[in-house]
Amino acid sequence: MLEKLVIICGGTGGHFYPGLSIAEELRSQGGNPLLFITGRNAEQQSGIASAKGVKSIILPSSTPPKGLSGKIYFALHSLRGIIEARKKLKEFNPSAVLAMGSFHSAAPAIAARTLRIPVFVHDGNARVGKANLFLSNFARHMALSFPPANGNSIKCKWTVTGMPVRPQIAKCSLSKKEAIGLINSRHSVDFTEDAPLLLVFGGSQGAGAINKFVPEALKLQGRDNFQVVHLSGAKNKESLEKHYAGSPFKHLVIESSGEMEIFYSAADIVICRSGGSTVAELSIFAKFAILIPYPFATDSHQDDNARHYCSGGAGIIIVEKELTVTKLASTIAGWLEQTEYYARKGQLSKELARPEASSSILELIESLTVLK
């Protein structure tokens, strides 16, 4: 069994939460994970890991090397990070190191390489990021969430394992009736199981356009036989509630939720961005989705994620530069006229679902380290 594993969670929640999911899975198997956390959210993420019973160490972070001065700055901070990471790696003595992506992961991964500790990489998007492409030069293997759009640029062997999602997402078995009951009791609303429910959210970044266009598009339906849950994002709840004021349909606006499995289970269709974790979660719950890729995502990777999800027919893509109230209203109207048809289309995404991704990644690492 894989006993000790260091997981490098640099950068955003898109790197941290999948890494935490893998750590939780390893703990459940009796193993000992340790998170190396870097980036501006390191303190907060370390606290979240601690609450889950997962140990972590905060390391110096690096920024992407842009321009000559940026490269010099990156090199100096990376050297500091390598020295600190080497010290911590020697103390913990792991069987392997898994980097979850971003340039924040580079220094600890290089430190592991200098100590001849096997380095593995995971990428959470359909287009492998520049940092992971760099790490692939010396990684033993790369685990991928989706078939790569730029697979020819990966220098090591790779396997599509899926995106590690939170255990409560991967193992959720709520019925719509149960989910509606939980929403009603926790948010003091009176949603019904019979009416179709539309779930709307923008993700950790880039909710602006969705918040702007969706309420107006829904009002244009001129009907009250559907219901809406809209996650506004931080500090947007009050303004979004004003946009929904006077709507004839039942609606709930909240900032965010740590229980997305409840809302996925209740939803009949989803309007959202197309981050890697979101696409993986949509497939687990088999929901038809109207995907609006975040236009400023690095290398337009959300566009690749959306194309992957919609390739089997389980969703449609509206690029933000073409997003209008009229177009969105027309799309929603089509769904309301054929809700059962779109529910069947959503089921097509089940073929893409990989709820066992965390254990698959651990099995991959074990097969290439412990058993060799």
Protein backbone atom coordinates (compact mmCIF):
# COMPACT_ATOMS: atom_id res chain seq x y z
CA MET A 1 0.00 0.00 0.00
CA LEU A 2 1.08 3.59 -0.62
CA GLU A 3 1.95 4.74 2.90
CA LYS A 4 3.30 8.28 2.56
CA LEU A 5 2.45 10.76 -0.17
CA VAL A 6 3.18 14.48 -0.46
CA ILE A 7 0.57 16.36 -2.49
CA ILE A 8 1.56 19.81 -3.74
CA CYS A 9 -1.50 22.08 -3.84
CA GLY A 10 -0.37 25.40 -5.24
CA GLY A 11 -2.52 28.23 -6.53
CA THR A 12 -6.30 28.25 -6.64
CA GLY A 13 -9.03 26.08 -5.19
CA GLY A 14 -9.00 24.23 -8.51
CA HIS A 15 -5.65 22.78 -7.45
CA PHE A 16 -6.26 22.57 -3.71
CA TYR A 17 -9.61 20.78 -3.48
CA PRO A 18 -8.73 17.92 -5.85
CA GLY A 19 -5.49 17.45 -3.89
CA LEU A 20 -7.42 17.45 -0.63
CA SER A 21 -9.81 14.82 -2.05
CA ILE A 22 -6.88 12.56 -2.87
CA ALA A 23 -5.47 13.09 0.63
CA GLU A 24 -8.81 12.16 2.19
CA GLU A 25 -8.97 9.01 0.10
CA LEU A 26 -5.44 8.00 1.12
CA ARG A 27 -6.31 8.56 4.80
CA SER A 28 -9.39 6.36 4.41
CA GLN A 29 -7.08 3.61 3.12
CA GLY A 30 -4.80 3.94 6.15
CA GLY A 31 -2.11 5.97 4.42
CA ASN A 32 -0.39 9.17 5.56
CA PRO A 33 -0.76 12.18 3.22
CA LEU A 34 0.93 15.54 3.68
CA LEU A 35 -0.10 18.64 1.75
CA PHE A 36 2.47 21.19 0.61
CA ILE A 37 0.40 24.37 0.19
CA THR A 38 1.58 27.52 -1.56
CA GLY A 39 -0.05 30.67 -2.89
CA ARG A 40 -2.02 33.58 -1.48
CA ASN A 41 -4.78 31.36 -0.09
CA ALA A 42 -2.38 29.04 1.73
CA GLU A 43 -3.42 29.96 5.27
CA GLN A 44 -7.12 29.48 4.57
CA GLN A 45 -6.53 26.22 2.70
CA SER A 46 -4.33 24.89 5.47
CA GLY A 47 -7.18 25.48 7.91
CA ILE A 48 -9.63 23.64 5.66
CA ALA A 49 -7.25 20.68 5.41
CA SER A 50 -6.78 20.62 9.17
CA ALA A 51 -10.56 20.49 9.67
CA LYS A 52 -10.57 17.36 7.50
CA GLY A 53 -7.79 15.79 9.56
CA VAL A 54 -5.19 16.25 6.83
CA LYS A 55 -1.74 17.60 7.76
CA SER A 56 -0.22 20.42 5.71
CA ILE A 57 2.86 22.60 5.46
CA ILE A 58 2.86 26.10 3.97
CA LEU A 59 5.81 26.73 1.64
CA PRO A 60 7.08 29.91 -0.06
CA SER A 61 5.22 30.57 -3.29
CA SER A 62 6.41 31.54 -6.74
CA THR A 63 4.77 33.61 -9.45
CA PRO A 64 4.63 32.72 -13.15
CA PRO A 65 7.88 33.78 -14.86
CA LYS A 66 6.82 36.65 -17.13
CA GLY A 67 9.52 38.78 -18.77
CA LEU A 68 13.17 39.01 -17.80
CA SER A 69 12.61 40.55 -14.37
CA GLY A 70 9.81 38.07 -13.72
CA LYS A 71 12.09 35.16 -14.57
CA ILE A 72 14.77 36.44 -12.21
CA TYR A 73 12.20 36.91 -9.45
CA PHE A 74 10.79 33.46 -10.14
CA ALA A 75 14.25 31.88 -10.02
CA LEU A 76 15.13 33.50 -6.68
CA HIS A 77 11.85 32.55 -5.02
CA SER A 78 12.00 29.09 -6.52
CA LEU A 79 15.44 28.55 -5.03
CA ARG A 80 14.10 29.48 -1.63
CA GLY A 81 11.14 27.17 -2.16
CA ILE A 82 13.37 24.30 -3.30
CA ILE A 83 15.59 24.59 -0.22
CA GLU A 84 12.63 24.66 2.15
CA ALA A 85 10.84 21.82 0.33
CA ARG A 86 13.95 19.62 0.38
CA LYS A 87 14.14 20.01 4.14
CA LYS A 88 10.49 19.06 4.64
CA LEU A 89 10.71 16.15 2.19
CA LYS A 90 13.70 14.69 3.99
CA GLU A 91 11.82 14.87 7.28
CA PHE A 92 8.66 13.22 5.92
CA ASN A 93 10.37 10.74 3.57
CA PRO A 94 7.42 10.07 1.23
CA SER A 95 7.20 7.27 -1.33
CA ALA A 96 6.19 9.81 -4.00
CA VAL A 97 5.19 13.41 -4.64
CA LEU A 98 2.08 14.46 -6.56
CA ALA A 99 1.91 17.97 -8.01
CA MET A 100 -1.60 19.29 -8.70
CA GLY A 101 -0.53 22.02 -11.11
CA SER A 102 0.32 25.75 -11.33
CA PHE A 103 3.76 27.32 -11.15
CA HIS A 104 3.44 27.32 -7.38
CA SER A 105 4.04 23.56 -7.60
CA ALA A 106 7.31 23.85 -9.52
CA ALA A 107 9.78 24.41 -6.67
CA PRO A 108 8.57 21.55 -4.42
CA ALA A 109 8.43 19.21 -7.43
CA ILE A 110 11.99 20.14 -8.41
CA ALA A 111 13.07 19.58 -4.80
CA ALA A 112 11.60 16.08 -4.94
CA ARG A 113 13.42 15.42 -8.18
CA THR A 114 16.76 16.41 -6.64
CA LEU A 115 16.10 13.90 -3.84
CA ARG A 116 15.19 11.19 -6.39
CA ILE A 117 11.66 10.95 -5.06
CA PRO A 118 9.27 9.93 -7.87
CA VAL A 119 7.25 12.91 -9.11
CA PHE A 120 3.72 12.55 -10.46
CA VAL A 121 1.51 15.28 -11.88
CA HIS A 122 -2.25 15.78 -12.13
CA ASP A 123 -3.93 18.24 -14.47
CA GLY A 124 -7.51 19.32 -13.92
CA ASN A 125 -8.40 20.58 -17.40
CA ALA A 126 -8.77 19.31 -20.94
CA ARG A 127 -5.83 21.51 -21.97
CA VAL A 128 -2.73 20.74 -19.90
CA GLY A 129 -1.29 23.89 -18.34
CA LYS A 130 2.18 25.31 -18.98
CA ALA A 131 3.44 24.48 -15.49
CA ASN A 132 2.46 20.83 -15.85
CA LEU A 133 3.96 20.66 -19.32
CA PHE A 134 7.21 21.84 -17.75
CA LEU A 135 6.95 19.30 -14.95
CA SER A 136 6.25 16.55 -17.48
CA ASN A 137 9.91 16.77 -18.50
CA PHE A 138 10.90 14.88 -15.35
CA ALA A 139 7.61 13.48 -13.98
CA ARG A 140 7.23 9.73 -13.88
CA HIS A 141 3.61 9.90 -15.02
CA MET A 142 0.78 12.40 -15.49
CA ALA A 143 -2.81 11.77 -14.43
CA LEU A 144 -5.40 13.68 -16.45
CA SER A 145 -8.97 14.67 -15.71
CA PHE A 146 -9.98 14.55 -19.38
CA PRO A 147 -8.48 13.47 -22.71
CA PRO A 148 -5.91 16.20 -23.43
CA ALA A 149 -6.40 18.72 -26.22
CA ASN A 150 -2.61 19.19 -26.33
CA GLY A 151 -1.45 15.68 -25.54
CA ASN A 152 1.45 15.88 -28.02
CA SER A 153 3.11 18.46 -25.74
CA ILE A 154 3.23 16.15 -22.71
CA LYS A 155 6.75 14.73 -22.31
CA CYS A 156 5.95 11.86 -19.92
CA LYS A 157 3.47 9.00 -20.09
CA TRP A 158 -0.07 9.91 -19.14
CA THR A 159 -3.36 8.29 -18.15
CA VAL A 160 -6.89 9.70 -18.00
CA THR A 161 -7.95 9.02 -14.41
CA GLY A 162 -10.60 11.71 -13.99
CA MET A 163 -10.87 14.72 -11.72
CA PRO A 164 -10.77 14.01 -7.96
CA VAL A 165 -13.93 15.47 -6.45
CA ARG A 166 -14.99 15.78 -2.83
CA PRO A 167 -16.20 12.51 -1.29
CA GLN A 168 -19.67 13.92 -0.63
CA ILE A 169 -19.94 14.66 -4.37
CA ALA A 170 -18.50 11.36 -5.58
CA LYS A 171 -20.63 9.23 -3.25
CA CYS A 172 -23.88 11.23 -3.24
CA SER A 173 -27.09 9.25 -3.77
CA LEU A 174 -29.77 11.83 -2.97
CA SER A 175 -33.02 11.71 -4.91
CA LYS A 176 -34.55 14.93 -6.20
CA LYS A 177 -37.30 14.63 -3.57
CA GLU A 178 -34.75 14.31 -0.76
CA ALA A 179 -32.68 17.20 -2.12
CA ILE A 180 -35.71 19.49 -2.43
CA GLY A 181 -36.62 18.65 1.16
CA LEU A 182 -33.15 19.63 2.35
CA ILE A 183 -33.22 22.90 0.41
CA ASN A 184 -36.62 23.79 1.86
CA SER A 185 -35.61 23.03 5.43
CA ARG A 186 -32.26 24.82 5.27
CA HIS A 187 -33.28 27.90 3.32
CA SER A 188 -36.92 28.37 4.32
CA VAL A 189 -38.35 28.07 0.82
CA ASP A 190 -41.21 25.94 -0.49
CA PHE A 191 -39.82 24.35 -3.66
CA THR A 192 -41.64 21.32 -5.04
CA GLU A 193 -40.41 18.07 -6.54
CA ASP A 194 -42.76 18.34 -9.52
CA ALA A 195 -41.60 21.69 -10.93
CA PRO A 196 -38.37 21.73 -12.97
CA LEU A 197 -35.46 23.37 -11.18
CA LEU A 198 -32.72 25.43 -12.80
CA LEU A 199 -29.37 25.69 -10.98
CA VAL A 200 -27.18 28.69 -11.79
CA PHE A 201 -23.68 29.50 -10.59
CA GLY A 202 -20.56 31.25 -11.84
CA GLY A 203 -17.80 29.52 -9.93
CA SER A 204 -14.97 31.00 -7.89
CA GLN A 205 -14.28 33.64 -10.54
CA GLY A 206 -16.12 35.26 -13.39
CA ALA A 207 -19.76 35.19 -12.24
CA GLY A 208 -20.47 38.70 -13.54
CA ALA A 209 -21.94 37.93 -16.96
CA ILE A 210 -24.03 35.03 -15.66
CA ASN A 211 -25.44 37.17 -12.85
CA LYS A 212 -26.21 39.95 -15.33
CA PHE A 213 -28.01 38.00 -18.05
CA VAL A 214 -29.68 35.01 -16.38
CA PRO A 215 -32.31 36.78 -14.21
CA GLU A 216 -33.57 38.85 -17.14
CA ALA A 217 -33.65 35.82 -19.43
CA LEU A 218 -35.70 33.93 -16.85
CA LYS A 219 -38.16 36.79 -16.40
CA LEU A 220 -38.76 36.80 -20.16
CA GLN A 221 -40.22 33.31 -19.87
CA GLY A 222 -43.39 34.89 -18.45
CA ARG A 223 -44.30 31.78 -16.49
CA ASP A 224 -44.24 30.53 -12.92
CA ASN A 225 -44.03 26.74 -13.40
CA PHE A 226 -40.30 26.43 -12.74
CA GLN A 227 -37.93 27.27 -9.89
CA VAL A 228 -34.41 28.61 -9.65
CA VAL A 229 -31.44 28.32 -7.30
CA HIS A 230 -28.78 30.93 -8.12
CA LEU A 231 -25.40 31.04 -6.36
CA SER A 232 -24.34 34.65 -6.65
CA GLY A 233 -20.72 34.51 -5.60
CA ALA A 234 -19.14 36.55 -2.82
CA LYS A 235 -20.72 39.95 -2.11
CA ASN A 236 -23.18 39.68 -5.02
CA LYS A 237 -26.24 38.34 -3.19
CA GLU A 238 -27.98 41.63 -2.44
CA SER A 239 -27.64 43.05 -5.95
CA LEU A 240 -28.72 39.76 -7.53
CA GLU A 241 -31.82 39.55 -5.36
CA LYS A 242 -32.84 42.95 -6.73
CA HIS A 243 -32.59 41.56 -10.28
CA TYR A 244 -34.94 38.73 -9.30
CA ALA A 245 -37.41 41.03 -7.55
CA GLY A 246 -40.92 40.64 -8.94
CA SER A 247 -40.21 37.29 -10.62
CA PRO A 248 -43.31 35.06 -10.86
CA PHE A 249 -41.32 31.88 -10.31
CA LYS A 250 -39.90 30.55 -7.05
CA HIS A 251 -36.25 31.39 -6.58
CA LEU A 252 -33.47 31.18 -4.03
CA VAL A 253 -30.34 33.34 -4.11
CA ILE A 254 -27.36 32.43 -1.92
CA GLU A 255 -23.72 33.45 -2.09
CA SER A 256 -22.17 29.97 -2.12
CA SER A 257 -22.52 26.51 -0.68
CA GLY A 258 -20.31 23.77 0.66
CA GLU A 259 -23.07 21.29 -0.13
CA MET A 260 -23.31 21.45 -3.90
CA GLU A 261 -24.35 17.81 -3.99
CA ILE A 262 -27.77 18.86 -2.67
CA PHE A 263 -28.29 21.42 -5.43
CA TYR A 264 -26.98 19.13 -8.19
CA SER A 265 -29.36 16.41 -6.99
CA ALA A 266 -32.31 18.81 -7.06
CA ALA A 267 -31.48 20.38 -10.44
CA ASP A 268 -32.94 19.45 -13.81
CA ILE A 269 -30.57 21.70 -15.78
CA VAL A 270 -27.52 23.80 -14.91
CA ILE A 271 -26.17 27.11 -16.23
CA CYS A 272 -22.55 27.58 -15.23
CA ARG A 273 -18.91 28.06 -16.20
CA SER A 274 -16.83 25.08 -17.32
CA GLY A 275 -13.98 24.72 -14.83
CA GLY A 276 -12.50 21.26 -14.52
CA SER A 277 -14.17 20.39 -11.22
CA THR A 278 -17.54 21.70 -12.41
CA VAL A 279 -17.43 19.58 -15.57
CA ALA A 280 -16.47 16.50 -13.55
CA GLU A 281 -19.31 17.10 -11.08
CA LEU A 282 -21.87 17.65 -13.83
CA SER A 283 -21.02 14.27 -15.32
CA ILE A 284 -21.34 12.50 -11.95
CA PHE A 285 -24.85 13.92 -11.53
CA ALA A 286 -25.60 13.55 -15.27
CA LYS A 287 -27.05 17.02 -15.76
CA PHE A 288 -27.69 18.78 -19.03
CA ALA A 289 -25.73 22.02 -18.91
CA ILE A 290 -25.66 25.37 -20.63
CA LEU A 291 -21.95 26.10 -20.37
CA ILE A 292 -20.57 29.63 -20.58
CA PRO A 293 -16.75 29.27 -20.47
CA TYR A 294 -14.88 31.91 -18.49
CA PRO A 295 -13.29 33.95 -21.32
CA PHE A 296 -10.16 34.88 -19.37
CA ALA A 297 -9.19 31.35 -18.32
CA THR A 298 -5.53 30.62 -19.06
CA ASP A 299 -5.07 29.29 -22.61
CA SER A 300 -8.88 29.23 -22.90
CA HIS A 301 -8.88 25.90 -21.10
CA GLN A 302 -12.53 26.27 -20.07
CA ASP A 303 -13.46 26.20 -23.75
CA ASP A 304 -11.72 22.83 -24.08
CA ASN A 305 -13.46 21.54 -20.95
CA ALA A 306 -16.82 22.62 -22.33
CA ARG A 307 -16.18 20.97 -25.70
CA HIS A 308 -15.27 17.74 -23.93
CA TYR A 309 -18.48 17.77 -21.88
CA CYS A 310 -20.71 18.63 -24.83
CA SER A 311 -19.06 16.18 -27.22
CA GLY A 312 -21.55 13.46 -26.27
CA GLY A 313 -24.60 15.74 -26.43
CA ALA A 314 -25.05 16.48 -22.73
CA GLY A 315 -24.75 20.25 -23.02
CA ILE A 316 -24.47 23.31 -25.20
CA ILE A 317 -21.88 26.07 -25.21
CA ILE A 318 -22.56 29.79 -25.35
CA VAL A 319 -19.34 31.79 -25.55
CA GLU A 320 -19.51 34.94 -23.47
CA LYS A 321 -18.94 37.35 -26.37
CA GLU A 322 -22.12 35.96 -27.96
CA LEU A 323 -24.13 35.88 -24.73
CA THR A 324 -27.27 38.03 -24.80
CA VAL A 325 -30.47 38.03 -22.80
CA THR A 326 -32.44 37.11 -25.93
CA LYS A 327 -30.22 34.14 -26.83
CA LEU A 328 -30.21 32.82 -23.29
CA ALA A 329 -33.99 33.29 -22.97
CA SER A 330 -34.54 31.33 -26.17
CA THR A 331 -32.32 28.48 -24.96
CA ILE A 332 -34.11 28.30 -21.61
CA ALA A 333 -37.50 28.38 -23.34
CA GLY A 334 -36.48 25.37 -25.43
CA TRP A 335 -35.61 23.49 -22.24
CA LEU A 336 -38.90 24.38 -20.56
CA GLU A 337 -40.82 23.00 -23.54
CA GLN A 338 -38.88 19.71 -23.53
CA THR A 339 -37.62 19.08 -19.99
CA GLU A 340 -37.78 15.29 -20.28
CA TYR A 341 -35.84 15.35 -23.56
CA TYR A 342 -33.06 17.43 -21.99
CA ALA A 343 -33.00 15.17 -18.92
CA ARG A 344 -32.30 12.22 -21.23
CA LYS A 345 -29.58 14.23 -22.96
CA GLY A 346 -28.00 14.96 -19.59
CA GLN A 347 -27.78 11.24 -18.88
CA LEU A 348 -25.34 10.94 -21.79
CA SER A 349 -22.68 12.57 -19.62
CA LYS A 350 -22.65 9.52 -17.33
CA GLU A 351 -20.22 8.00 -19.82
CA LEU A 352 -17.74 10.75 -18.91
CA ALA A 353 -18.12 10.37 -15.14
CA ARG A 354 -15.19 9.11 -13.08
CA PRO A 355 -16.30 9.28 -9.43
CA GLU A 356 -13.44 6.97 -8.39
CA ALA A 357 -10.74 9.33 -9.70
CA SER A 358 -9.02 9.78 -6.33
CA SER A 359 -8.54 6.06 -5.80
CA SER A 360 -7.53 5.59 -9.44
CA ILE A 361 -4.75 8.16 -9.04
CA LEU A 362 -3.50 6.50 -5.86
CA GLU A 363 -3.53 3.10 -7.56
CA LEU A 364 -1.54 4.55 -10.47
CA ILE A 365 1.09 6.05 -8.17
CA GLU A 366 1.33 2.86 -6.13
CA SER A 367 1.77 0.70 -9.23
CA LEU A 368 4.68 2.85 -10.40
CA THR A 369 6.45 3.25 -7.06
CA VAL A 370 5.68 0.87 -4.22
CA LEU A 371 5.38 -2.25 -6.34
CA LYS A 372 8.50 -1.60 -8.42
